[in-house]
PDB file of N, CA and C in Angstrom:
ATOM      1  N   MET A   1       0.821  -1.184   0.000  1.00  0.00           N
ATOM      2  CA  MET A   1       0.000   0.000   0.000  1.00  0.00           C
ATOM      3  C   MET A   1       0.874   1.260   0.000  1.00  0.00           C
ATOM      4  N   GLY A   2       2.027   1.218   0.622  1.00  0.00           N
ATOM      5  CA  GLY A   2       2.942   2.345   0.695  1.00  0.00           C
ATOM      6  C   GLY A   2       3.433   2.769  -0.681  1.00  0.00           C
ATOM      7  N   ASP A   3       3.686   1.773  -1.553  1.00  0.00           N
ATOM      8  CA  ASP A   3       4.158   2.091  -2.902  1.00  0.00           C
ATOM      9  C   ASP A   3       3.088   2.827  -3.699  1.00  0.00           C
ATOM     10  N   ARG A   4       1.831   2.407  -3.534  1.00  0.00           N
ATOM     11  CA  ARG A   4       0.736   3.070  -4.249  1.00  0.00           C
ATOM     12  C   ARG A   4       0.606   4.530  -3.805  1.00  0.00           C
ATOM     13  N   LYS A   5       0.762   4.759  -2.513  1.00  0.00           N
ATOM     14  CA  LYS A   5       0.631   6.108  -1.976  1.00  0.00           C
ATOM     15  C   LYS A   5       1.755   7.001  -2.533  1.00  0.00           C
ATOM     16  N   ARG A   6       2.985   6.472  -2.541  1.00  0.00           N
ATOM     17  CA  ARG A   6       4.109   7.242  -3.082  1.00  0.00           C
ATOM     18  C   ARG A   6       3.914   7.511  -4.573  1.00  0.00           C
ATOM     19  N   SER A   7       3.433   6.532  -5.279  1.00  0.00           N
ATOM     20  CA  SER A   7       3.186   6.678  -6.709  1.00  0.00           C
ATOM     21  C   SER A   7       2.117   7.757  -6.952  1.00  0.00           C
ATOM     22  N   ALA A   8       1.066   7.747  -6.150  1.00  0.00           N
ATOM     23  CA  ALA A   8       0.002   8.753  -6.276  1.00  0.00           C
ATOM     24  C   ALA A   8       0.541  10.144  -5.962  1.00  0.00           C
ATOM     25  N   GLN A   9       1.411  10.219  -4.950  1.00  0.00           N
ATOM     26  CA  GLN A   9       1.998  11.513  -4.594  1.00  0.00           C
ATOM     27  C   GLN A   9       2.855  12.042  -5.742  1.00  0.00           C
ATOM     28  N   ARG A  10       3.604  11.147  -6.402  1.00  0.00           N
ATOM     29  CA  ARG A  10       4.427  11.555  -7.540  1.00  0.00           C
ATOM     30  C   ARG A  10       3.558  12.061  -8.688  1.00  0.00           C
ATOM     31  N   VAL A  11       2.447  11.389  -8.933  1.00  0.00           N
ATOM     32  CA  VAL A  11       1.544  11.802 -10.008  1.00  0.00           C
ATOM     33  C   VAL A  11       0.975  13.186  -9.703  1.00  0.00           C
ATOM     34  N   VAL A  12       0.556  13.402  -8.450  1.00  0.00           N
ATOM     35  CA  VAL A  12      -0.001  14.692  -8.055  1.00  0.00           C
ATOM     36  C   VAL A  12       1.075  15.779  -8.169  1.00  0.00           C
ATOM     37  N   ALA A  13       2.282  15.484  -7.711  1.00  0.00           N
ATOM     38  CA  ALA A  13       3.376  16.452  -7.792  1.00  0.00           C
ATOM     39  C   ALA A  13       3.707  16.763  -9.256  1.00  0.00           C
ATOM     40  N   GLY A  14       3.724  15.752 -10.106  1.00  0.00           N
ATOM     41  CA  GLY A  14       3.993  15.948 -11.534  1.00  0.00           C
ATOM     42  C   GLY A  14       2.914  16.798 -12.182  1.00  0.00           C
ATOM     43  N   ALA A  15       1.670  16.557 -11.833  1.00  0.00           N
ATOM     44  CA  ALA A  15       0.566  17.341 -12.384  1.00  0.00           C
ATOM     45  C   ALA A  15       0.665  18.794 -11.936  1.00  0.00           C
ATOM     46  N   ALA A  16       1.022  19.005 -10.675  1.00  0.00           N
ATOM     47  CA  ALA A  16       1.168  20.369 -10.165  1.00  0.00           C
ATOM     48  C   ALA A  16       2.297  21.084 -10.894  1.00  0.00           C
ATOM     49  N   LEU A  17       3.391  20.370 -11.135  1.00  0.00           N
ATOM     50  CA  LEU A  17       4.522  20.943 -11.852  1.00  0.00           C
ATOM     51  C   LEU A  17       4.130  21.311 -13.285  1.00  0.00           C
ATOM     52  N   ALA A  18       3.403  20.424 -13.937  1.00  0.00           N
ATOM     53  CA  ALA A  18       2.962  20.666 -15.308  1.00  0.00           C
ATOM     54  C   ALA A  18       2.025  21.878 -15.365  1.00  0.00           C
ATOM     55  N   LEU A  19       1.140  21.980 -14.386  1.00  0.00           N
ATOM     56  CA  LEU A  19       0.212  23.104 -14.325  1.00  0.00           C
ATOM     57  C   LEU A  19       0.972  24.413 -14.120  1.00  0.00           C
ATOM     58  N   ALA A  20       1.968  24.404 -13.238  1.00  0.00           N
ATOM     59  CA  ALA A  20       2.776  25.602 -12.990  1.00  0.00           C
ATOM     60  C   ALA A  20       3.556  25.993 -14.246  1.00  0.00           C
ATOM     61  N   ALA A  21       4.094  25.012 -14.944  1.00  0.00           N
ATOM     62  CA  ALA A  21       4.855  25.292 -16.170  1.00  0.00           C
ATOM     63  C   ALA A  21       3.943  25.892 -17.235  1.00  0.00           C
ATOM     64  N   THR A  22       2.725  25.374 -17.354  1.00  0.00           N
ATOM     65  CA  THR A  22       1.769  25.896 -18.330  1.00  0.00           C
ATOM     66  C   THR A  22       1.406  27.338 -17.998  1.00  0.00           C
ATOM     67  N   ALA A  23       1.183  27.622 -16.731  1.00  0.00           N
ATOM     68  CA  ALA A  23       0.848  28.983 -16.312  1.00  0.00           C
ATOM     69  C   ALA A  23       2.000  29.940 -16.607  1.00  0.00           C
ATOM     70  N   THR A  24       3.212  29.490 -16.364  1.00  0.00           N
ATOM     71  CA  THR A  24       4.383  30.329 -16.631  1.00  0.00           C
ATOM     72  C   THR A  24       4.522  30.592 -18.122  1.00  0.00           C
ATOM     73  N   MET A  25       4.328  29.566 -18.940  1.00  0.00           N
ATOM     74  CA  MET A  25       4.433  29.724 -20.387  1.00  0.00           C
ATOM     75  C   MET A  25       3.349  30.678 -20.895  1.00  0.00           C
ATOM     76  N   SER A  26       2.141  30.585 -20.352  1.00  0.00           N
ATOM     77  CA  SER A  26       1.062  31.474 -20.772  1.00  0.00           C
ATOM     78  C   SER A  26       1.383  32.916 -20.409  1.00  0.00           C
ATOM     79  N   ALA A  27       1.922  33.126 -19.215  1.00  0.00           N
ATOM     80  CA  ALA A  27       2.286  34.481 -18.795  1.00  0.00           C
ATOM     81  C   ALA A  27       3.404  35.024 -19.671  1.00  0.00           C
ATOM     82  N   THR A  28       4.371  34.173 -20.022  1.00  0.00           N
ATOM     83  CA  THR A  28       5.468  34.594 -20.893  1.00  0.00           C
ATOM     84  C   THR A  28       4.938  34.954 -22.272  1.00  0.00           C
ATOM     85  N   ALA A  29       4.042  34.163 -22.803  1.00  0.00           N
ATOM     86  CA  ALA A  29       3.468  34.444 -24.126  1.00  0.00           C
ATOM     87  C   ALA A  29       2.687  35.748 -24.097  1.00  0.00           C
ATOM     88  N   ALA A  30       1.944  35.991 -23.023  1.00  0.00           N
ATOM     89  CA  ALA A  30       1.182  37.231 -22.912  1.00  0.00           C
ATOM     90  C   ALA A  30       2.124  38.422 -22.853  1.00  0.00           C
ATOM     91  N   THR A  31       3.219  38.275 -22.145  1.00  0.00           N
ATOM     92  CA  THR A  31       4.193  39.356 -22.052  1.00  0.00           C
ATOM     93  C   THR A  31       4.834  39.601 -23.409  1.00  0.00           C
ATOM     94  N   ALA A  32       5.127  38.545 -24.141  1.00  0.00           N
ATOM     95  CA  ALA A  32       5.771  38.694 -25.443  1.00  0.00           C
ATOM     96  C   ALA A  32       4.860  39.428 -26.423  1.00  0.00           C
ATOM     97  N   THR A  33       3.562  39.172 -26.377  1.00  0.00           N
ATOM     98  CA  THR A  33       2.669  39.843 -27.309  1.00  0.00           C
ATOM     99  C   THR A  33       2.395  41.271 -26.881  1.00  0.00           C
ATOM    100  N   ALA A  34       2.604  41.591 -25.609  1.00  0.00           N
ATOM    101  CA  ALA A  34       2.373  42.944 -25.131  1.00  0.00           C
ATOM    102  C   ALA A  34       3.687  43.708 -24.998  1.00  0.00           C
ATOM    103  N   ALA A  35       4.660  43.364 -25.802  1.00  0.00           N
ATOM    104  CA  ALA A  35       5.969  44.011 -25.739  1.00  0.00           C
ATOM    105  C   ALA A  35       5.834  45.487 -26.081  1.00  0.00           C
ATOM    106  N   PRO A  36       6.708  46.310 -25.534  1.00  0.00           N
ATOM    107  CA  PRO A  36       6.629  47.736 -25.829  1.00  0.00           C
ATOM    108  C   PRO A  36       6.887  48.015 -27.298  1.00  0.00           C
ATOM    109  N   ARG A  37       6.307  49.108 -27.783  1.00  0.00           N
ATOM    110  CA  ARG A  37       6.489  49.475 -29.185  1.00  0.00           C
ATOM    111  C   ARG A  37       7.939  49.828 -29.455  1.00  0.00           C
ATOM    112  N   SER A  38       8.337  49.557 -30.643  1.00  0.00           N
ATOM    113  CA  SER A  38       9.688  49.911 -31.065  1.00  0.00           C
ATOM    114  C   SER A  38       9.805  51.434 -31.131  1.00  0.00           C
ATOM    115  N   PRO A  39      10.970  51.980 -30.785  1.00  0.00           N
ATOM    116  CA  PRO A  39      11.126  53.425 -30.910  1.00  0.00           C
ATOM    117  C   PRO A  39      11.101  53.899 -32.361  1.00  0.00           C
ATOM    118  N   LEU A  40      11.328  52.984 -33.277  1.00  0.00           N
ATOM    119  CA  LEU A  40      11.271  53.343 -34.689  1.00  0.00           C
ATOM    120  C   LEU A  40       9.849  53.131 -35.179  1.00  0.00           C
ATOM    121  N   THR A  41       9.135  54.205 -35.332  1.00  0.00           N
ATOM    122  CA  THR A  41       7.720  54.143 -35.648  1.00  0.00           C
ATOM    123  C   THR A  41       7.361  55.304 -36.566  1.00  0.00           C
ATOM    124  N   ASP A  42       6.093  55.541 -36.748  1.00  0.00           N
ATOM    125  CA  ASP A  42       5.651  56.674 -37.556  1.00  0.00           C
ATOM    126  C   ASP A  42       5.549  57.928 -36.701  1.00  0.00           C
ATOM    127  N   CYS A  43       5.952  59.041 -37.279  1.00  0.00           N
ATOM    128  CA  CYS A  43       5.850  60.342 -36.626  1.00  0.00           C
ATOM    129  C   CYS A  43       5.110  61.283 -37.567  1.00  0.00           C
ATOM    130  N   PHE A  44       4.642  62.393 -36.992  1.00  0.00           N
ATOM    131  CA  PHE A  44       3.947  63.388 -37.786  1.00  0.00           C
ATOM    132  C   PHE A  44       4.501  64.767 -37.462  1.00  0.00           C
ATOM    133  N   VAL A  45       4.663  65.592 -38.488  1.00  0.00           N
ATOM    134  CA  VAL A  45       5.155  66.947 -38.324  1.00  0.00           C
ATOM    135  C   VAL A  45       4.053  67.777 -37.668  1.00  0.00           C
ATOM    136  N   THR A  46       4.427  68.560 -36.647  1.00  0.00           N
ATOM    137  CA  THR A  46       3.428  69.298 -35.871  1.00  0.00           C
ATOM    138  C   THR A  46       3.374  70.792 -36.210  1.00  0.00           C
ATOM    139  N   THR A  47       4.261  71.263 -37.059  1.00  0.00           N
ATOM    140  CA  THR A  47       4.365  72.692 -37.353  1.00  0.00           C
ATOM    141  C   THR A  47       4.396  72.905 -38.867  1.00  0.00           C
ATOM    142  N   VAL A  48       3.947  74.079 -39.283  1.00  0.00           N
ATOM    143  CA  VAL A  48       3.966  74.440 -40.700  1.00  0.00           C
ATOM    144  C   VAL A  48       5.397  74.797 -41.110  1.00  0.00           C
ATOM    145  N   ASN A  49       5.810  74.357 -42.292  1.00  0.00           N
ATOM    146  CA  ASN A  49       7.115  74.687 -42.878  1.00  0.00           C
ATOM    147  C   ASN A  49       8.302  74.315 -41.989  1.00  0.00           C
ATOM    148  N   VAL A  50       8.507  73.031 -41.838  1.00  0.00           N
ATOM    149  CA  VAL A  50       9.633  72.505 -41.064  1.00  0.00           C
ATOM    150  C   VAL A  50      10.705  72.031 -42.043  1.00  0.00           C
ATOM    151  N   PRO A  51      11.960  72.416 -41.820  1.00  0.00           N
ATOM    152  CA  PRO A  51      13.018  71.953 -42.719  1.00  0.00           C
ATOM    153  C   PRO A  51      13.398  70.497 -42.448  1.00  0.00           C
ATOM    154  N   ALA A  52      13.576  69.749 -43.510  1.00  0.00           N
ATOM    155  CA  ALA A  52      14.105  68.382 -43.425  1.00  0.00           C
ATOM    156  C   ALA A  52      15.501  68.432 -44.030  1.00  0.00           C
ATOM    157  N   TYR A  53      16.471  67.998 -43.237  1.00  0.00           N
ATOM    158  CA  TYR A  53      17.876  68.166 -43.603  1.00  0.00           C
ATOM    159  C   TYR A  53      18.503  66.896 -44.171  1.00  0.00           C
ATOM    160  N   GLU A  54      19.570  67.103 -44.941  1.00  0.00           N
ATOM    161  CA  GLU A  54      20.386  66.001 -45.458  1.00  0.00           C
ATOM    162  C   GLU A  54      21.160  65.358 -44.297  1.00  0.00           C
ATOM    163  N   VAL A  55      21.706  66.190 -43.432  1.00  0.00           N
ATOM    164  CA  VAL A  55      22.357  65.797 -42.174  1.00  0.00           C
ATOM    165  C   VAL A  55      21.878  66.794 -41.130  1.00  0.00           C
ATOM    166  N   PRO A  56      21.916  66.461 -39.836  1.00  0.00           N
ATOM    167  CA  PRO A  56      21.447  67.421 -38.824  1.00  0.00           C
ATOM    168  C   PRO A  56      22.118  68.789 -38.988  1.00  0.00           C
ATOM    169  N   ASN A  57      21.299  69.834 -39.087  1.00  0.00           N
ATOM    170  CA  ASN A  57      21.752  71.216 -39.281  1.00  0.00           C
ATOM    171  C   ASN A  57      22.569  71.408 -40.552  1.00  0.00           C
ATOM    172  N   GLY A  58      22.389  70.521 -41.519  1.00  0.00           N
ATOM    173  CA  GLY A  58      23.100  70.621 -42.792  1.00  0.00           C
ATOM    174  C   GLY A  58      22.254  71.286 -43.854  1.00  0.00           C
ATOM    175  N   ARG A  59      22.414  70.809 -45.075  1.00  0.00           N
ATOM    176  CA  ARG A  59      21.666  71.347 -46.216  1.00  0.00           C
ATOM    177  C   ARG A  59      20.201  70.920 -46.124  1.00  0.00           C
ATOM    178  N   ILE A  60      19.296  71.866 -46.357  1.00  0.00           N
ATOM    179  CA  ILE A  60      17.860  71.563 -46.333  1.00  0.00           C
ATOM    180  C   ILE A  60      17.496  70.839 -47.628  1.00  0.00           C
ATOM    181  N   VAL A  61      16.879  69.684 -47.491  1.00  0.00           N
ATOM    182  CA  VAL A  61      16.466  68.884 -48.646  1.00  0.00           C
ATOM    183  C   VAL A  61      15.086  69.329 -49.125  1.00  0.00           C
ATOM    184  N   VAL A  62      14.184  69.528 -48.159  1.00  0.00           N
ATOM    185  CA  VAL A  62      12.803  69.880 -48.487  1.00  0.00           C
ATOM    186  C   VAL A  62      12.167  70.542 -47.260  1.00  0.00           C
ATOM    187  N   TRP A  63      11.183  71.383 -47.512  1.00  0.00           N
ATOM    188  CA  TRP A  63      10.385  71.963 -46.430  1.00  0.00           C
ATOM    189  C   TRP A  63       9.136  71.103 -46.291  1.00  0.00           C
ATOM    190  N   VAL A  64       8.816  70.741 -45.061  1.00  0.00           N
ATOM    191  CA  VAL A  64       7.742  69.789 -44.801  1.00  0.00           C
ATOM    192  C   VAL A  64       6.565  70.507 -44.148  1.00  0.00           C
ATOM    193  N   GLY A  65       5.352  70.121 -44.556  1.00  0.00           N
ATOM    194  CA  GLY A  65       4.146  70.738 -44.017  1.00  0.00           C
ATOM    195  C   GLY A  65       3.599  70.005 -42.802  1.00  0.00           C
ATOM    196  N   GLN A  66       2.786  70.717 -42.056  1.00  0.00           N
ATOM    197  CA  GLN A  66       2.147  70.151 -40.866  1.00  0.00           C
ATOM    198  C   GLN A  66       1.310  68.926 -41.245  1.00  0.00           C
ATOM    199  N   GLY A  67       1.443  67.846 -40.463  1.00  0.00           N
ATOM    200  CA  GLY A  67       0.694  66.618 -40.708  1.00  0.00           C
ATOM    201  C   GLY A  67       1.429  65.605 -41.574  1.00  0.00           C
ATOM    202  N   GLN A  68       2.543  66.009 -42.166  1.00  0.00           N
ATOM    203  CA  GLN A  68       3.331  65.088 -43.013  1.00  0.00           C
ATOM    204  C   GLN A  68       3.815  63.905 -42.183  1.00  0.00           C
ATOM    205  N   GLY A  69       3.720  62.706 -42.717  1.00  0.00           N
ATOM    206  CA  GLY A  69       4.179  61.503 -42.030  1.00  0.00           C
ATOM    207  C   GLY A  69       5.642  61.210 -42.302  1.00  0.00           C
ATOM    208  N   LEU A  70       6.296  60.657 -41.285  1.00  0.00           N
ATOM    209  CA  LEU A  70       7.706  60.288 -41.383  1.00  0.00           C
ATOM    210  C   LEU A  70       7.874  58.931 -40.719  1.00  0.00           C
ATOM    211  N   PHE A  71       8.417  57.956 -41.453  1.00  0.00           N
ATOM    212  CA  PHE A  71       8.730  56.656 -40.856  1.00  0.00           C
ATOM    213  C   PHE A  71      10.154  56.724 -40.343  1.00  0.00           C
ATOM    214  N   LEU A  72      10.319  56.603 -39.019  1.00  0.00           N
ATOM    215  CA  LEU A  72      11.644  56.714 -38.408  1.00  0.00           C
ATOM    216  C   LEU A  72      12.537  55.539 -38.762  1.00  0.00           C
ATOM    217  N   THR A  73      13.795  55.851 -39.024  1.00  0.00           N
ATOM    218  CA  THR A  73      14.786  54.811 -39.268  1.00  0.00           C
ATOM    219  C   THR A  73      15.961  54.928 -38.308  1.00  0.00           C
ATOM    220  N   ARG A  74      16.083  56.109 -37.650  1.00  0.00           N
ATOM    221  CA  ARG A  74      17.226  56.321 -36.765  1.00  0.00           C
ATOM    222  C   ARG A  74      16.938  57.466 -35.799  1.00  0.00           C
ATOM    223  N   ILE A  75      17.435  57.318 -34.574  1.00  0.00           N
ATOM    224  CA  ILE A  75      17.317  58.362 -33.562  1.00  0.00           C
ATOM    225  C   ILE A  75      18.720  58.703 -33.087  1.00  0.00           C
ATOM    226  N   GLU A  76      19.048  59.989 -33.105  1.00  0.00           N
ATOM    227  CA  GLU A  76      20.364  60.429 -32.664  1.00  0.00           C
ATOM    228  C   GLU A  76      20.196  61.729 -31.875  1.00  0.00           C
ATOM    229  N   GLY A  77      20.218  61.614 -30.555  1.00  0.00           N
ATOM    230  CA  GLY A  77      19.983  62.786 -29.706  1.00  0.00           C
ATOM    231  C   GLY A  77      18.596  63.341 -29.980  1.00  0.00           C
ATOM    232  N   PRO A  78      18.489  64.662 -30.201  1.00  0.00           N
ATOM    233  CA  PRO A  78      17.165  65.244 -30.466  1.00  0.00           C
ATOM    234  C   PRO A  78      16.734  65.138 -31.935  1.00  0.00           C
ATOM    235  N   TRP A  79      17.575  64.542 -32.770  1.00  0.00           N
ATOM    236  CA  TRP A  79      17.287  64.444 -34.195  1.00  0.00           C
ATOM    237  C   TRP A  79      16.672  63.101 -34.547  1.00  0.00           C
ATOM    238  N   ARG A  80      15.778  63.125 -35.537  1.00  0.00           N
ATOM    239  CA  ARG A  80      15.121  61.915 -36.029  1.00  0.00           C
ATOM    240  C   ARG A  80      15.349  61.815 -37.527  1.00  0.00           C
ATOM    241  N   GLN A  81      15.843  60.650 -37.960  1.00  0.00           N
ATOM    242  CA  GLN A  81      16.023  60.417 -39.396  1.00  0.00           C
ATOM    243  C   GLN A  81      14.935  59.465 -39.859  1.00  0.00           C
ATOM    244  N   GLY A  82      14.471  59.687 -41.071  1.00  0.00           N
ATOM    245  CA  GLY A  82      13.444  58.800 -41.576  1.00  0.00           C
ATOM    246  C   GLY A  82      13.099  59.073 -43.020  1.00  0.00           C
ATOM    247  N   ASN A  83      12.063  58.378 -43.449  1.00  0.00           N
ATOM    248  CA  ASN A  83      11.580  58.475 -44.823  1.00  0.00           C
ATOM    249  C   ASN A  83      10.233  59.193 -44.814  1.00  0.00           C
ATOM    250  N   LEU A  84      10.164  60.309 -45.518  1.00  0.00           N
ATOM    251  CA  LEU A  84       8.899  61.044 -45.603  1.00  0.00           C
ATOM    252  C   LEU A  84       7.908  60.255 -46.455  1.00  0.00           C
ATOM    253  N   TRP A  85       6.686  60.218 -46.014  1.00  0.00           N
ATOM    254  CA  TRP A  85       5.656  59.527 -46.785  1.00  0.00           C
ATOM    255  C   TRP A  85       5.488  60.255 -48.117  1.00  0.00           C
ATOM    256  N   GLY A  86       5.722  59.565 -49.213  1.00  0.00           N
ATOM    257  CA  GLY A  86       5.573  60.155 -50.536  1.00  0.00           C
ATOM    258  C   GLY A  86       6.640  61.185 -50.862  1.00  0.00           C
ATOM    259  N   GLY A  87       7.757  61.138 -50.138  1.00  0.00           N
ATOM    260  CA  GLY A  87       8.811  62.125 -50.365  1.00  0.00           C
ATOM    261  C   GLY A  87      10.185  61.515 -50.208  1.00  0.00           C
ATOM    262  N   PRO A  88      11.177  62.365 -49.989  1.00  0.00           N
ATOM    263  CA  PRO A  88      12.562  61.895 -49.878  1.00  0.00           C
ATOM    264  C   PRO A  88      12.793  60.949 -48.699  1.00  0.00           C
ATOM    265  N   SER A  89      13.793  60.113 -48.842  1.00  0.00           N
ATOM    266  CA  SER A  89      14.180  59.170 -47.784  1.00  0.00           C
ATOM    267  C   SER A  89      15.460  59.646 -47.119  1.00  0.00           C
ATOM    268  N   GLY A  90      15.635  59.238 -45.867  1.00  0.00           N
ATOM    269  CA  GLY A  90      16.871  59.524 -45.152  1.00  0.00           C
ATOM    270  C   GLY A  90      17.032  60.967 -44.707  1.00  0.00           C
ATOM    271  N   VAL A  91      15.923  61.680 -44.537  1.00  0.00           N
ATOM    272  CA  VAL A  91      16.009  63.081 -44.102  1.00  0.00           C
ATOM    273  C   VAL A  91      16.020  63.172 -42.583  1.00  0.00           C
ATOM    274  N   TRP A  92      16.552  64.276 -42.071  1.00  0.00           N
ATOM    275  CA  TRP A  92      16.634  64.519 -40.626  1.00  0.00           C
ATOM    276  C   TRP A  92      15.705  65.670 -40.246  1.00  0.00           C
ATOM    277  N   ILE A  93      14.924  65.449 -39.177  1.00  0.00           N
ATOM    278  CA  ILE A  93      14.045  66.490 -38.647  1.00  0.00           C
ATOM    279  C   ILE A  93      14.247  66.528 -37.131  1.00  0.00           C
ATOM    280  N   HIS A  94      14.286  67.743 -36.585  1.00  0.00           N
ATOM    281  CA  HIS A  94      14.457  67.884 -35.141  1.00  0.00           C
ATOM    282  C   HIS A  94      13.192  67.416 -34.426  1.00  0.00           C
ATOM    283  N   SER A  95      13.368  66.722 -33.304  1.00  0.00           N
ATOM    284  CA  SER A  95      12.236  66.138 -32.573  1.00  0.00           C
ATOM    285  C   SER A  95      11.262  67.182 -32.028  1.00  0.00           C
ATOM    286  N   ASN A  96      11.684  68.453 -31.904  1.00  0.00           N
ATOM    287  CA  ASN A  96      10.772  69.504 -31.435  1.00  0.00           C
ATOM    288  C   ASN A  96       9.585  69.692 -32.384  1.00  0.00           C
ATOM    289  N   TYR A  97       9.743  69.259 -33.633  1.00  0.00           N
ATOM    290  CA  TYR A  97       8.706  69.470 -34.634  1.00  0.00           C
ATOM    291  C   TYR A  97       7.965  68.187 -35.003  1.00  0.00           C
ATOM    292  N   LEU A  98       8.145  67.138 -34.198  1.00  0.00           N
ATOM    293  CA  LEU A  98       7.516  65.842 -34.490  1.00  0.00           C
ATOM    294  C   LEU A  98       6.683  65.348 -33.311  1.00  0.00           C
ATOM    295  N   ARG A  99       5.615  64.624 -33.640  1.00  0.00           N
ATOM    296  CA  ARG A  99       4.830  63.891 -32.646  1.00  0.00           C
ATOM    297  C   ARG A  99       4.922  62.416 -33.036  1.00  0.00           C
ATOM    298  N   CYS A 100       5.559  61.631 -32.176  1.00  0.00           N
ATOM    299  CA  CYS A 100       5.761  60.216 -32.489  1.00  0.00           C
ATOM    300  C   CYS A 100       4.958  59.329 -31.534  1.00  0.00           C
TER     301      CYS A 100
END
Protein backbone atom coordinates (compact mmCIF):
# COMPACT_ATOMS: atom_id res chain seq x y z
CA MET A 1 0.00 0.00 0.00
CA GLY A 2 2.94 2.35 0.70
CA ASP A 3 4.16 2.09 -2.90
CA ARG A 4 0.74 3.07 -4.25
CA LYS A 5 0.63 6.11 -1.98
CA ARG A 6 4.11 7.24 -3.08
CA SER A 7 3.19 6.68 -6.71
CA ALA A 8 0.00 8.75 -6.28
CA GLN A 9 2.00 11.51 -4.59
CA ARG A 10 4.43 11.56 -7.54
CA VAL A 11 1.54 11.80 -10.01
CA VAL A 12 0.00 14.69 -8.06
CA ALA A 13 3.38 16.45 -7.79
CA GLY A 14 3.99 15.95 -11.53
CA ALA A 15 0.57 17.34 -12.38
CA ALA A 16 1.17 20.37 -10.17
CA LEU A 17 4.52 20.94 -11.85
CA ALA A 18 2.96 20.67 -15.31
CA LEU A 19 0.21 23.10 -14.32
CA ALA A 20 2.78 25.60 -12.99
CA ALA A 21 4.85 25.29 -16.17
CA THR A 22 1.77 25.90 -18.33
CA ALA A 23 0.85 28.98 -16.31
CA THR A 24 4.38 30.33 -16.63
CA MET A 25 4.43 29.72 -20.39
CA SER A 26 1.06 31.47 -20.77
CA ALA A 27 2.29 34.48 -18.79
CA THR A 28 5.47 34.59 -20.89
CA ALA A 29 3.47 34.44 -24.13
CA ALA A 30 1.18 37.23 -22.91
CA THR A 31 4.19 39.36 -22.05
CA ALA A 32 5.77 38.69 -25.44
CA THR A 33 2.67 39.84 -27.31
CA ALA A 34 2.37 42.94 -25.13
CA ALA A 35 5.97 44.01 -25.74
CA PRO A 36 6.63 47.74 -25.83
CA ARG A 37 6.49 49.47 -29.18
CA SER A 38 9.69 49.91 -31.06
CA PRO A 39 11.13 53.43 -30.91
CA LEU A 40 11.27 53.34 -34.69
CA THR A 41 7.72 54.14 -35.65
CA ASP A 42 5.65 56.67 -37.56
CA CYS A 43 5.85 60.34 -36.63
CA PHE A 44 3.95 63.39 -37.79
CA VAL A 45 5.15 66.95 -38.32
CA THR A 46 3.43 69.30 -35.87
CA THR A 47 4.36 72.69 -37.35
CA VAL A 48 3.97 74.44 -40.70
CA ASN A 49 7.12 74.69 -42.88
CA VAL A 50 9.63 72.50 -41.06
CA PRO A 51 13.02 71.95 -42.72
CA ALA A 52 14.10 68.38 -43.43
CA TYR A 53 17.88 68.17 -43.60
CA GLU A 54 20.39 66.00 -45.46
CA VAL A 55 22.36 65.80 -42.17
CA PRO A 56 21.45 67.42 -38.82
CA ASN A 57 21.75 71.22 -39.28
CA GLY A 58 23.10 70.62 -42.79
CA ARG A 59 21.67 71.35 -46.22
CA ILE A 60 17.86 71.56 -46.33
CA VAL A 61 16.47 68.88 -48.65
CA VAL A 62 12.80 69.88 -48.49
CA TRP A 63 10.39 71.96 -46.43
CA VAL A 64 7.74 69.79 -44.80
CA GLY A 65 4.15 70.74 -44.02
CA GLN A 66 2.15 70.15 -40.87
CA GLY A 67 0.69 66.62 -40.71
CA GLN A 68 3.33 65.09 -43.01
CA GLY A 69 4.18 61.50 -42.03
CA LEU A 70 7.71 60.29 -41.38
CA PHE A 71 8.73 56.66 -40.86
CA LEU A 72 11.64 56.71 -38.41
CA THR A 73 14.79 54.81 -39.27
CA ARG A 74 17.23 56.32 -36.77
CA ILE A 75 17.32 58.36 -33.56
CA GLU A 76 20.36 60.43 -32.66
CA GLY A 77 19.98 62.79 -29.71
CA PRO A 78 17.16 65.24 -30.47
CA TRP A 79 17.29 64.44 -34.20
CA ARG A 80 15.12 61.92 -36.03
CA GLN A 81 16.02 60.42 -39.40
CA GLY A 82 13.44 58.80 -41.58
CA ASN A 83 11.58 58.48 -44.82
CA LEU A 84 8.90 61.04 -45.60
CA TRP A 85 5.66 59.53 -46.79
CA GLY A 86 5.57 60.16 -50.54
CA GLY A 87 8.81 62.13 -50.37
CA PRO A 88 12.56 61.90 -49.88
CA SER A 89 14.18 59.17 -47.78
CA GLY A 90 16.87 59.52 -45.15
CA VAL A 91 16.01 63.08 -44.10
CA TRP A 92 16.63 64.52 -40.63
CA ILE A 93 14.04 66.49 -38.65
CA HIS A 94 14.46 67.88 -35.14
CA SER A 95 12.24 66.14 -32.57
CA ASN A 96 10.77 69.50 -31.43
CA TYR A 97 8.71 69.47 -34.63
CA LEU A 98 7.52 65.84 -34.49
CA ARG A 99 4.83 63.89 -32.65
CA CYS A 100 5.76 60.22 -32.49
